Amino acid sequence: FEAVPPNPQLESMIPGFSPSFTADNYLVLVAAAEAGLGAMVMARMAHRFTRPSRLVPLDVDLGPFSRSQTHLVCAKSALDIPRVRRVSELLREEFQRIRLGR
């Protein structure tokens, strides 16, 4: 994933930049950062499910990569499954609350 943001931006800002830890699981990445294995790019949005954390924001300007979008993706047929539909509805509702600042 060396070509995936924010890696190229961090390489251009930090001489000799090399990720100290990589994983394809967000919760593992958060746990690694909390354990002191490095820093990670995270969204700065409070939501109802925010859990206490010892992580602190760093003043790093990622330019146009400092903002991103979240896309909820599933097979159209999966929306016919009640639990899948409900989870998608809850996620949309939560993002709407965040957007409106509630």
PDB file of N, CA and C in Angstrom:
ATOM      1  N   PHE A   1       0.810  -1.209   0.000  1.00  0.00           N
ATOM      2  CA  PHE A   1       0.000   0.000   0.000  1.00  0.00           C
ATOM      3  C   PHE A   1       0.848   1.265   0.000  1.00  0.00           C
ATOM      4  N   GLU A   2       2.101   1.162  -0.433  1.00  0.00           N
ATOM      5  CA  GLU A   2       2.980   2.336  -0.367  1.00  0.00           C
ATOM      6  C   GLU A   2       2.514   3.498  -1.240  1.00  0.00           C
ATOM      7  N   ALA A   3       1.682   3.246  -2.250  1.00  0.00           N
ATOM      8  CA  ALA A   3       1.201   4.322  -3.112  1.00  0.00           C
ATOM      9  C   ALA A   3      -0.146   4.888  -2.652  1.00  0.00           C
ATOM     10  N   VAL A   4      -0.695   4.339  -1.586  1.00  0.00           N
ATOM     11  CA  VAL A   4      -1.998   4.757  -1.087  1.00  0.00           C
ATOM     12  C   VAL A   4      -1.813   5.872  -0.059  1.00  0.00           C
ATOM     13  N   PRO A   5      -2.567   6.992  -0.193  1.00  0.00           N
ATOM     14  CA  PRO A   5      -2.477   8.059   0.798  1.00  0.00           C
ATOM     15  C   PRO A   5      -2.757   7.500   2.192  1.00  0.00           C
ATOM     16  N   PRO A   6      -2.062   7.971   3.179  1.00  0.00           N
ATOM     17  CA  PRO A   6      -1.177   9.120   3.220  1.00  0.00           C
ATOM     18  C   PRO A   6       0.298   8.768   3.034  1.00  0.00           C
ATOM     19  N   ASN A   7       0.624   7.519   2.682  1.00  0.00           N
ATOM     20  CA  ASN A   7       2.042   7.131   2.583  1.00  0.00           C
ATOM     21  C   ASN A   7       2.866   8.038   1.673  1.00  0.00           C
ATOM     22  N   PRO A   8       2.451   8.331   0.420  1.00  0.00           N
ATOM     23  CA  PRO A   8       3.276   9.211  -0.418  1.00  0.00           C
ATOM     24  C   PRO A   8       3.444  10.609   0.185  1.00  0.00           C
ATOM     25  N   GLN A   9       2.398  11.126   0.811  1.00  0.00           N
ATOM     26  CA  GLN A   9       2.468  12.457   1.410  1.00  0.00           C
ATOM     27  C   GLN A   9       3.443  12.453   2.585  1.00  0.00           C
ATOM     28  N   LEU A  10       3.384  11.411   3.401  1.00  0.00           N
ATOM     29  CA  LEU A  10       4.302  11.331   4.543  1.00  0.00           C
ATOM     30  C   LEU A  10       5.737  11.127   4.061  1.00  0.00           C
ATOM     31  N   GLU A  11       5.938  10.348   3.005  1.00  0.00           N
ATOM     32  CA  GLU A  11       7.284  10.177   2.448  1.00  0.00           C
ATOM     33  C   GLU A  11       7.863  11.502   1.975  1.00  0.00           C
ATOM     34  N   SER A  12       7.010  12.356   1.396  1.00  0.00           N
ATOM     35  CA  SER A  12       7.498  13.648   0.902  1.00  0.00           C
ATOM     36  C   SER A  12       7.792  14.622   2.046  1.00  0.00           C
ATOM     37  N   MET A  13       7.147  14.430   3.205  1.00  0.00           N
ATOM     38  CA  MET A  13       7.307  15.335   4.335  1.00  0.00           C
ATOM     39  C   MET A  13       8.379  14.879   5.313  1.00  0.00           C
ATOM     40  N   ILE A  14       8.608  13.555   5.383  1.00  0.00           N
ATOM     41  CA  ILE A  14       9.500  13.003   6.406  1.00  0.00           C
ATOM     42  C   ILE A  14      10.619  12.227   5.712  1.00  0.00           C
ATOM     43  N   PRO A  15      11.842  12.748   5.748  1.00  0.00           N
ATOM     44  CA  PRO A  15      12.948  12.022   5.114  1.00  0.00           C
ATOM     45  C   PRO A  15      13.108  10.620   5.711  1.00  0.00           C
ATOM     46  N   GLY A  16      13.226   9.618   4.856  1.00  0.00           N
ATOM     47  CA  GLY A  16      13.405   8.244   5.312  1.00  0.00           C
ATOM     48  C   GLY A  16      12.166   7.619   5.917  1.00  0.00           C
ATOM     49  N   PHE A  17      10.993   8.193   5.614  1.00  0.00           N
ATOM     50  CA  PHE A  17       9.744   7.671   6.179  1.00  0.00           C
ATOM     51  C   PHE A  17       9.564   6.202   5.804  1.00  0.00           C
ATOM     52  N   SER A  18       9.208   5.411   6.795  1.00  0.00           N
ATOM     53  CA  SER A  18       8.883   4.005   6.585  1.00  0.00           C
ATOM     54  C   SER A  18       7.863   3.612   7.640  1.00  0.00           C
ATOM     55  N   PRO A  19       6.713   3.057   7.242  1.00  0.00           N
ATOM     56  CA  PRO A  19       5.719   2.656   8.244  1.00  0.00           C
ATOM     57  C   PRO A  19       6.331   1.678   9.253  1.00  0.00           C
ATOM     58  N   SER A  20       6.021   1.864  10.523  1.00  0.00           N
ATOM     59  CA  SER A  20       6.556   0.981  11.562  1.00  0.00           C
ATOM     60  C   SER A  20       5.703  -0.256  11.744  1.00  0.00           C
ATOM     61  N   PHE A  21       4.464  -0.198  11.266  1.00  0.00           N
ATOM     62  CA  PHE A  21       3.537  -1.311  11.444  1.00  0.00           C
ATOM     63  C   PHE A  21       2.447  -1.168  10.401  1.00  0.00           C
ATOM     64  N   THR A  22       2.018  -2.262   9.816  1.00  0.00           N
ATOM     65  CA  THR A  22       0.894  -2.223   8.887  1.00  0.00           C
ATOM     66  C   THR A  22      -0.058  -3.363   9.207  1.00  0.00           C
ATOM     67  N   ALA A  23      -1.321  -3.155   8.906  1.00  0.00           N
ATOM     68  CA  ALA A  23      -2.346  -4.181   9.094  1.00  0.00           C
ATOM     69  C   ALA A  23      -3.533  -3.811   8.216  1.00  0.00           C
ATOM     70  N   ASP A  24      -4.371  -4.775   7.930  1.00  0.00           N
ATOM     71  CA  ASP A  24      -5.569  -4.491   7.150  1.00  0.00           C
ATOM     72  C   ASP A  24      -6.812  -4.440   8.039  1.00  0.00           C
ATOM     73  N   ASN A  25      -6.599  -4.309   9.345  1.00  0.00           N
ATOM     74  CA  ASN A  25      -7.692  -4.260  10.300  1.00  0.00           C
ATOM     75  C   ASN A  25      -7.588  -2.964  11.093  1.00  0.00           C
ATOM     76  N   TYR A  26      -8.621  -2.130  11.001  1.00  0.00           N
ATOM     77  CA  TYR A  26      -8.611  -0.821  11.654  1.00  0.00           C
ATOM     78  C   TYR A  26      -8.414  -0.941  13.164  1.00  0.00           C
ATOM     79  N   LEU A  27      -9.110  -1.886  13.803  1.00  0.00           N
ATOM     80  CA  LEU A  27      -8.992  -2.021  15.256  1.00  0.00           C
ATOM     81  C   LEU A  27      -7.588  -2.443  15.668  1.00  0.00           C
ATOM     82  N   VAL A  28      -6.937  -3.249  14.851  1.00  0.00           N
ATOM     83  CA  VAL A  28      -5.552  -3.642  15.132  1.00  0.00           C
ATOM     84  C   VAL A  28      -4.640  -2.429  15.000  1.00  0.00           C
ATOM     85  N   LEU A  29      -4.873  -1.590  13.989  1.00  0.00           N
ATOM     86  CA  LEU A  29      -4.067  -0.382  13.816  1.00  0.00           C
ATOM     87  C   LEU A  29      -4.226   0.563  14.998  1.00  0.00           C
ATOM     88  N   VAL A  30      -5.456   0.743  15.464  1.00  0.00           N
ATOM     89  CA  VAL A  30      -5.698   1.607  16.624  1.00  0.00           C
ATOM     90  C   VAL A  30      -4.986   1.042  17.851  1.00  0.00           C
ATOM     91  N   ALA A  31      -5.106  -0.252  18.076  1.00  0.00           N
ATOM     92  CA  ALA A  31      -4.446  -0.870  19.228  1.00  0.00           C
ATOM     93  C   ALA A  31      -2.930  -0.709  19.136  1.00  0.00           C
ATOM     94  N   ALA A  32      -2.379  -0.840  17.929  1.00  0.00           N
ATOM     95  CA  ALA A  32      -0.927  -0.673  17.758  1.00  0.00           C
ATOM     96  C   ALA A  32      -0.507   0.758  18.069  1.00  0.00           C
ATOM     97  N   ALA A  33      -1.270   1.736  17.596  1.00  0.00           N
ATOM     98  CA  ALA A  33      -0.947   3.143  17.880  1.00  0.00           C
ATOM     99  C   ALA A  33      -1.063   3.413  19.377  1.00  0.00           C
ATOM    100  N   GLU A  34      -2.102   2.881  20.012  1.00  0.00           N
ATOM    101  CA  GLU A  34      -2.269   3.079  21.456  1.00  0.00           C
ATOM    102  C   GLU A  34      -1.150   2.401  22.249  1.00  0.00           C
ATOM    103  N   ALA A  35      -0.576   1.330  21.692  1.00  0.00           N
ATOM    104  CA  ALA A  35       0.525   0.632  22.359  1.00  0.00           C
ATOM    105  C   ALA A  35       1.861   1.318  22.119  1.00  0.00           C
ATOM    106  N   GLY A  36       1.856   2.382  21.306  1.00  0.00           N
ATOM    107  CA  GLY A  36       3.077   3.143  21.090  1.00  0.00           C
ATOM    108  C   GLY A  36       3.891   2.724  19.880  1.00  0.00           C
ATOM    109  N   LEU A  37       3.304   1.964  18.958  1.00  0.00           N
ATOM    110  CA  LEU A  37       4.046   1.517  17.778  1.00  0.00           C
ATOM    111  C   LEU A  37       4.130   2.562  16.677  1.00  0.00           C
ATOM    112  N   GLY A  38       3.529   3.711  16.872  1.00  0.00           N
ATOM    113  CA  GLY A  38       3.605   4.761  15.866  1.00  0.00           C
ATOM    114  C   GLY A  38       2.354   5.616  15.860  1.00  0.00           C
ATOM    115  N   ALA A  39       2.157   6.295  14.751  1.00  0.00           N
ATOM    116  CA  ALA A  39       0.999   7.183  14.586  1.00  0.00           C
ATOM    117  C   ALA A  39       0.149   6.654  13.450  1.00  0.00           C
ATOM    118  N   MET A  40      -1.100   7.084  13.405  1.00  0.00           N
ATOM    119  CA  MET A  40      -1.970   6.683  12.303  1.00  0.00           C
ATOM    120  C   MET A  40      -2.887   7.838  11.942  1.00  0.00           C
ATOM    121  N   VAL A  41      -3.332   7.836  10.716  1.00  0.00           N
ATOM    122  CA  VAL A  41      -4.282   8.845  10.251  1.00  0.00           C
ATOM    123  C   VAL A  41      -5.674   8.376  10.653  1.00  0.00           C
ATOM    124  N   MET A  42      -6.387   9.256  11.351  1.00  0.00           N
ATOM    125  CA  MET A  42      -7.737   8.930  11.814  1.00  0.00           C
ATOM    126  C   MET A  42      -8.655  10.119  11.582  1.00  0.00           C
ATOM    127  N   ALA A  43      -9.917   9.835  11.482  1.00  0.00           N
ATOM    128  CA  ALA A  43     -10.915  10.896  11.373  1.00  0.00           C
ATOM    129  C   ALA A  43     -11.039  11.604  12.714  1.00  0.00           C
ATOM    130  N   ARG A  44     -11.317  12.888  12.661  1.00  0.00           N
ATOM    131  CA  ARG A  44     -11.567  13.658  13.890  1.00  0.00           C
ATOM    132  C   ARG A  44     -13.042  13.953  13.967  1.00  0.00           C
ATOM    133  N   MET A  45     -13.822  12.946  14.324  1.00  0.00           N
ATOM    134  CA  MET A  45     -15.248  13.172  14.478  1.00  0.00           C
ATOM    135  C   MET A  45     -15.742  12.389  15.684  1.00  0.00           C
ATOM    136  N   ALA A  46     -16.403  13.096  16.551  1.00  0.00           N
ATOM    137  CA  ALA A  46     -16.963  12.454  17.726  1.00  0.00           C
ATOM    138  C   ALA A  46     -18.303  11.841  17.348  1.00  0.00           C
ATOM    139  N   HIS A  47     -18.543  10.663  17.849  1.00  0.00           N
ATOM    140  CA  HIS A  47     -19.822  10.002  17.591  1.00  0.00           C
ATOM    141  C   HIS A  47     -20.241   9.259  18.852  1.00  0.00           C
ATOM    142  N   ARG A  48     -21.429   8.730  18.843  1.00  0.00           N
ATOM    143  CA  ARG A  48     -21.974   8.083  20.035  1.00  0.00           C
ATOM    144  C   ARG A  48     -21.169   6.870  20.472  1.00  0.00           C
ATOM    145  N   PHE A  49     -20.399   6.297  19.565  1.00  0.00           N
ATOM    146  CA  PHE A  49     -19.668   5.073  19.872  1.00  0.00           C
ATOM    147  C   PHE A  49     -18.177   5.321  20.116  1.00  0.00           C
ATOM    148  N   THR A  50     -17.784   6.589  20.243  1.00  0.00           N
ATOM    149  CA  THR A  50     -16.393   6.922  20.522  1.00  0.00           C
ATOM    150  C   THR A  50     -16.016   6.334  21.870  1.00  0.00           C
ATOM    151  N   ARG A  51     -14.880   5.668  21.901  1.00  0.00           N
ATOM    152  CA  ARG A  51     -14.418   5.069  23.153  1.00  0.00           C
ATOM    153  C   ARG A  51     -13.222   5.859  23.667  1.00  0.00           C
ATOM    154  N   PRO A  52     -12.982   5.797  24.961  1.00  0.00           N
ATOM    155  CA  PRO A  52     -11.821   6.509  25.514  1.00  0.00           C
ATOM    156  C   PRO A  52     -10.530   6.020  24.855  1.00  0.00           C
ATOM    157  N   SER A  53      -9.606   6.953  24.659  1.00  0.00           N
ATOM    158  CA  SER A  53      -8.337   6.602  24.025  1.00  0.00           C
ATOM    159  C   SER A  53      -7.245   7.514  24.555  1.00  0.00           C
ATOM    160  N   ARG A  54      -6.024   6.995  24.567  1.00  0.00           N
ATOM    161  CA  ARG A  54      -4.874   7.799  24.991  1.00  0.00           C
ATOM    162  C   ARG A  54      -4.225   8.503  23.802  1.00  0.00           C
ATOM    163  N   LEU A  55      -4.761   8.307  22.605  1.00  0.00           N
ATOM    164  CA  LEU A  55      -4.178   8.930  21.418  1.00  0.00           C
ATOM    165  C   LEU A  55      -4.412  10.435  21.442  1.00  0.00           C
ATOM    166  N   VAL A  56      -3.443  11.174  20.939  1.00  0.00           N
ATOM    167  CA  VAL A  56      -3.554  12.628  20.859  1.00  0.00           C
ATOM    168  C   VAL A  56      -3.318  13.058  19.417  1.00  0.00           C
ATOM    169  N   PRO A  57      -3.998  14.117  18.955  1.00  0.00           N
ATOM    170  CA  PRO A  57      -3.796  14.584  17.574  1.00  0.00           C
ATOM    171  C   PRO A  57      -2.399  15.172  17.376  1.00  0.00           C
ATOM    172  N   LEU A  58      -1.821  14.929  16.221  1.00  0.00           N
ATOM    173  CA  LEU A  58      -0.547  15.523  15.839  1.00  0.00           C
ATOM    174  C   LEU A  58      -0.807  16.596  14.797  1.00  0.00           C
ATOM    175  N   ASP A  59      -0.010  17.633  14.784  1.00  0.00           N
ATOM    176  CA  ASP A  59      -0.170  18.719  13.818  1.00  0.00           C
ATOM    177  C   ASP A  59       0.590  18.355  12.540  1.00  0.00           C
ATOM    178  N   VAL A  60      -0.067  17.581  11.668  1.00  0.00           N
ATOM    179  CA  VAL A  60       0.516  17.162  10.402  1.00  0.00           C
ATOM    180  C   VAL A  60      -0.448  17.578   9.300  1.00  0.00           C
ATOM    181  N   ASP A  61       0.034  18.373   8.351  1.00  0.00           N
ATOM    182  CA  ASP A  61      -0.809  18.839   7.248  1.00  0.00           C
ATOM    183  C   ASP A  61      -0.681  17.869   6.075  1.00  0.00           C
ATOM    184  N   LEU A  62      -1.749  17.148   5.788  1.00  0.00           N
ATOM    185  CA  LEU A  62      -1.759  16.222   4.653  1.00  0.00           C
ATOM    186  C   LEU A  62      -2.351  16.865   3.406  1.00  0.00           C
ATOM    187  N   GLY A  63      -2.507  18.187   3.440  1.00  0.00           N
ATOM    188  CA  GLY A  63      -3.020  18.906   2.271  1.00  0.00           C
ATOM    189  C   GLY A  63      -4.388  18.387   1.860  1.00  0.00           C
ATOM    190  N   PRO A  64      -4.590  18.150   0.553  1.00  0.00           N
ATOM    191  CA  PRO A  64      -5.907  17.710   0.094  1.00  0.00           C
ATOM    192  C   PRO A  64      -6.284  16.319   0.620  1.00  0.00           C
ATOM    193  N   PHE A  65      -5.327  15.592   1.164  1.00  0.00           N
ATOM    194  CA  PHE A  65      -5.616  14.268   1.683  1.00  0.00           C
ATOM    195  C   PHE A  65      -6.050  14.306   3.147  1.00  0.00           C
ATOM    196  N   SER A  66      -6.191  15.504   3.697  1.00  0.00           N
ATOM    197  CA  SER A  66      -6.626  15.616   5.089  1.00  0.00           C
ATOM    198  C   SER A  66      -8.142  15.413   5.205  1.00  0.00           C
ATOM    199  N   ARG A  67      -8.838  15.381   4.089  1.00  0.00           N
ATOM    200  CA  ARG A  67     -10.280  15.129   4.079  1.00  0.00           C
ATOM    201  C   ARG A  67     -10.533  13.899   3.224  1.00  0.00           C
ATOM    202  N   SER A  68     -11.523  13.134   3.616  1.00  0.00           N
ATOM    203  CA  SER A  68     -11.848  11.943   2.842  1.00  0.00           C
ATOM    204  C   SER A  68     -13.347  11.678   2.908  1.00  0.00           C
ATOM    205  N   GLN A  69     -13.754  10.666   2.208  1.00  0.00           N
ATOM    206  CA  GLN A  69     -15.150  10.263   2.197  1.00  0.00           C
ATOM    207  C   GLN A  69     -15.249   8.823   2.672  1.00  0.00           C
ATOM    208  N   THR A  70     -16.403   8.495   3.207  1.00  0.00           N
ATOM    209  CA  THR A  70     -16.679   7.124   3.605  1.00  0.00           C
ATOM    210  C   THR A  70     -17.805   6.611   2.729  1.00  0.00           C
ATOM    211  N   HIS A  71     -17.619   5.418   2.217  1.00  0.00           N
ATOM    212  CA  HIS A  71     -18.635   4.796   1.379  1.00  0.00           C
ATOM    213  C   HIS A  71     -19.064   3.484   2.015  1.00  0.00           C
ATOM    214  N   LEU A  72     -20.347   3.305   2.146  1.00  0.00           N
ATOM    215  CA  LEU A  72     -20.899   2.054   2.640  1.00  0.00           C
ATOM    216  C   LEU A  72     -21.255   1.215   1.415  1.00  0.00           C
ATOM    217  N   VAL A  73     -20.634   0.048   1.313  1.00  0.00           N
ATOM    218  CA  VAL A  73     -20.790  -0.777   0.121  1.00  0.00           C
ATOM    219  C   VAL A  73     -21.258  -2.166   0.519  1.00  0.00           C
ATOM    220  N   CYS A  74     -22.283  -2.655  -0.174  1.00  0.00           N
ATOM    221  CA  CYS A  74     -22.707  -4.053  -0.016  1.00  0.00           C
ATOM    222  C   CYS A  74     -23.455  -4.451  -1.276  1.00  0.00           C
ATOM    223  N   ALA A  75     -23.622  -5.733  -1.446  1.00  0.00           N
ATOM    224  CA  ALA A  75     -24.378  -6.220  -2.598  1.00  0.00           C
ATOM    225  C   ALA A  75     -25.823  -5.745  -2.475  1.00  0.00           C
ATOM    226  N   LYS A  76     -26.395  -5.301  -3.576  1.00  0.00           N
ATOM    227  CA  LYS A  76     -27.772  -4.797  -3.551  1.00  0.00           C
ATOM    228  C   LYS A  76     -28.721  -5.833  -2.959  1.00  0.00           C
ATOM    229  N   SER A  77     -28.502  -7.084  -3.303  1.00  0.00           N
ATOM    230  CA  SER A  77     -29.371  -8.150  -2.788  1.00  0.00           C
ATOM    231  C   SER A  77     -29.228  -8.307  -1.274  1.00  0.00           C
ATOM    232  N   ALA A  78     -28.092  -7.920  -0.715  1.00  0.00           N
ATOM    233  CA  ALA A  78     -27.884  -8.045   0.732  1.00  0.00           C
ATOM    234  C   ALA A  78     -28.792  -7.099   1.505  1.00  0.00           C
ATOM    235  N   LEU A  79     -29.233  -6.025   0.870  1.00  0.00           N
ATOM    236  CA  LEU A  79     -30.123  -5.084   1.560  1.00  0.00           C
ATOM    237  C   LEU A  79     -31.495  -5.695   1.827  1.00  0.00           C
ATOM    238  N   ASP A  80     -31.769  -6.842   1.209  1.00  0.00           N
ATOM    239  CA  ASP A  80     -33.013  -7.557   1.499  1.00  0.00           C
ATOM    240  C   ASP A  80     -32.923  -8.356   2.795  1.00  0.00           C
ATOM    241  N   ILE A  81     -31.728  -8.497   3.327  1.00  0.00           N
ATOM    242  CA  ILE A  81     -31.533  -9.197   4.597  1.00  0.00           C
ATOM    243  C   ILE A  81     -31.768  -8.179   5.712  1.00  0.00           C
ATOM    244  N   PRO A  82     -32.747  -8.404   6.568  1.00  0.00           N
ATOM    245  CA  PRO A  82     -33.120  -7.391   7.567  1.00  0.00           C
ATOM    246  C   PRO A  82     -31.957  -6.871   8.405  1.00  0.00           C
ATOM    247  N   ARG A  83     -31.070  -7.718   8.892  1.00  0.00           N
ATOM    248  CA  ARG A  83     -29.982  -7.239   9.752  1.00  0.00           C
ATOM    249  C   ARG A  83     -28.989  -6.377   8.974  1.00  0.00           C
ATOM    250  N   VAL A  84     -28.774  -6.704   7.696  1.00  0.00           N
ATOM    251  CA  VAL A  84     -27.877  -5.897   6.865  1.00  0.00           C
ATOM    252  C   VAL A  84     -28.510  -4.535   6.602  1.00  0.00           C
ATOM    253  N   ARG A  85     -29.783  -4.537   6.251  1.00  0.00           N
ATOM    254  CA  ARG A  85     -30.493  -3.275   6.012  1.00  0.00           C
ATOM    255  C   ARG A  85     -30.468  -2.406   7.270  1.00  0.00           C
ATOM    256  N   ARG A  86     -30.684  -3.004   8.440  1.00  0.00           N
ATOM    257  CA  ARG A  86     -30.726  -2.225   9.676  1.00  0.00           C
ATOM    258  C   ARG A  86     -29.366  -1.626  10.011  1.00  0.00           C
ATOM    259  N   VAL A  87     -28.311  -2.396   9.825  1.00  0.00           N
ATOM    260  CA  VAL A  87     -26.977  -1.861  10.073  1.00  0.00           C
ATOM    261  C   VAL A  87     -26.694  -0.702   9.127  1.00  0.00           C
ATOM    262  N   SER A  88     -27.055  -0.847   7.859  1.00  0.00           N
ATOM    263  CA  SER A  88     -26.820   0.248   6.907  1.00  0.00           C
ATOM    264  C   SER A  88     -27.630   1.483   7.297  1.00  0.00           C
ATOM    265  N   GLU A  89     -28.854   1.292   7.763  1.00  0.00           N
ATOM    266  CA  GLU A  89     -29.673   2.424   8.204  1.00  0.00           C
ATOM    267  C   GLU A  89     -29.061   3.098   9.429  1.00  0.00           C
ATOM    268  N   LEU A  90     -28.598   2.304  10.384  1.00  0.00           N
ATOM    269  CA  LEU A  90     -27.980   2.878  11.585  1.00  0.00           C
ATOM    270  C   LEU A  90     -26.715   3.663  11.247  1.00  0.00           C
ATOM    271  N   LEU A  91     -25.900   3.142  10.335  1.00  0.00           N
ATOM    272  CA  LEU A  91     -24.688   3.862   9.929  1.00  0.00           C
ATOM    273  C   LEU A  91     -25.045   5.177   9.240  1.00  0.00           C
ATOM    274  N   ARG A  92     -26.017   5.147   8.354  1.00  0.00           N
ATOM    275  CA  ARG A  92     -26.431   6.396   7.695  1.00  0.00           C
ATOM    276  C   ARG A  92     -26.955   7.400   8.706  1.00  0.00           C
ATOM    277  N   GLU A  93     -27.759   6.941   9.666  1.00  0.00           N
ATOM    278  CA  GLU A  93     -28.293   7.833  10.698  1.00  0.00           C
ATOM    279  C   GLU A  93     -27.163   8.445  11.534  1.00  0.00           C
ATOM    280  N   GLU A  94     -26.179   7.627  11.883  1.00  0.00           N
ATOM    281  CA  GLU A  94     -25.072   8.130  12.708  1.00  0.00           C
ATOM    282  C   GLU A  94     -24.257   9.167  11.939  1.00  0.00           C
ATOM    283  N   PHE A  95     -23.965   8.901  10.682  1.00  0.00           N
ATOM    284  CA  PHE A  95     -23.216   9.885   9.888  1.00  0.00           C
ATOM    285  C   PHE A  95     -24.031  11.167   9.706  1.00  0.00           C
ATOM    286  N   GLN A  96     -25.334  11.055   9.592  1.00  0.00           N
ATOM    287  CA  GLN A  96     -26.184  12.248   9.489  1.00  0.00           C
ATOM    288  C   GLN A  96     -26.118  13.054  10.790  1.00  0.00           C
ATOM    289  N   ARG A  97     -26.154  12.378  11.951  1.00  0.00           N
ATOM    290  CA  ARG A  97     -26.031  13.059  13.244  1.00  0.00           C
ATOM    291  C   ARG A  97     -24.692  13.812  13.321  1.00  0.00           C
ATOM    292  N   ILE A  98     -23.626  13.130  12.890  1.00  0.00           N
ATOM    293  CA  ILE A  98     -22.298  13.751  12.928  1.00  0.00           C
ATOM    294  C   ILE A  98     -22.279  14.975  12.028  1.00  0.00           C
ATOM    295  N   ARG A  99     -22.817  14.833  10.818  1.00  0.00           N
ATOM    296  CA  ARG A  99     -22.828  15.934   9.862  1.00  0.00           C
ATOM    297  C   ARG A  99     -23.588  17.136  10.399  1.00  0.00           C
ATOM    298  N   LEU A 100     -24.673  16.878  11.127  1.00  0.00           N
ATOM    299  CA  LEU A 100     -25.500  17.952  11.670  1.00  0.00           C
ATOM    300  C   LEU A 100     -25.006  18.439  13.031  1.00  0.00           C
ATOM    301  N   GLY A 101     -23.992  17.768  13.581  1.00  0.00           N
ATOM    302  CA  GLY A 101     -23.421  18.196  14.864  1.00  0.00           C
ATOM    303  C   GLY A 101     -24.287  17.895  16.052  1.00  0.00           C
ATOM    304  N   ARG A 102     -25.057  16.832  15.987  1.00  0.00           N
ATOM    305  CA  ARG A 102     -25.949  16.460  17.107  1.00  0.00           C
ATOM    306  C   ARG A 102     -25.299  15.467  18.025  1.00  0.00           C
TER     307      ARG A 102
END
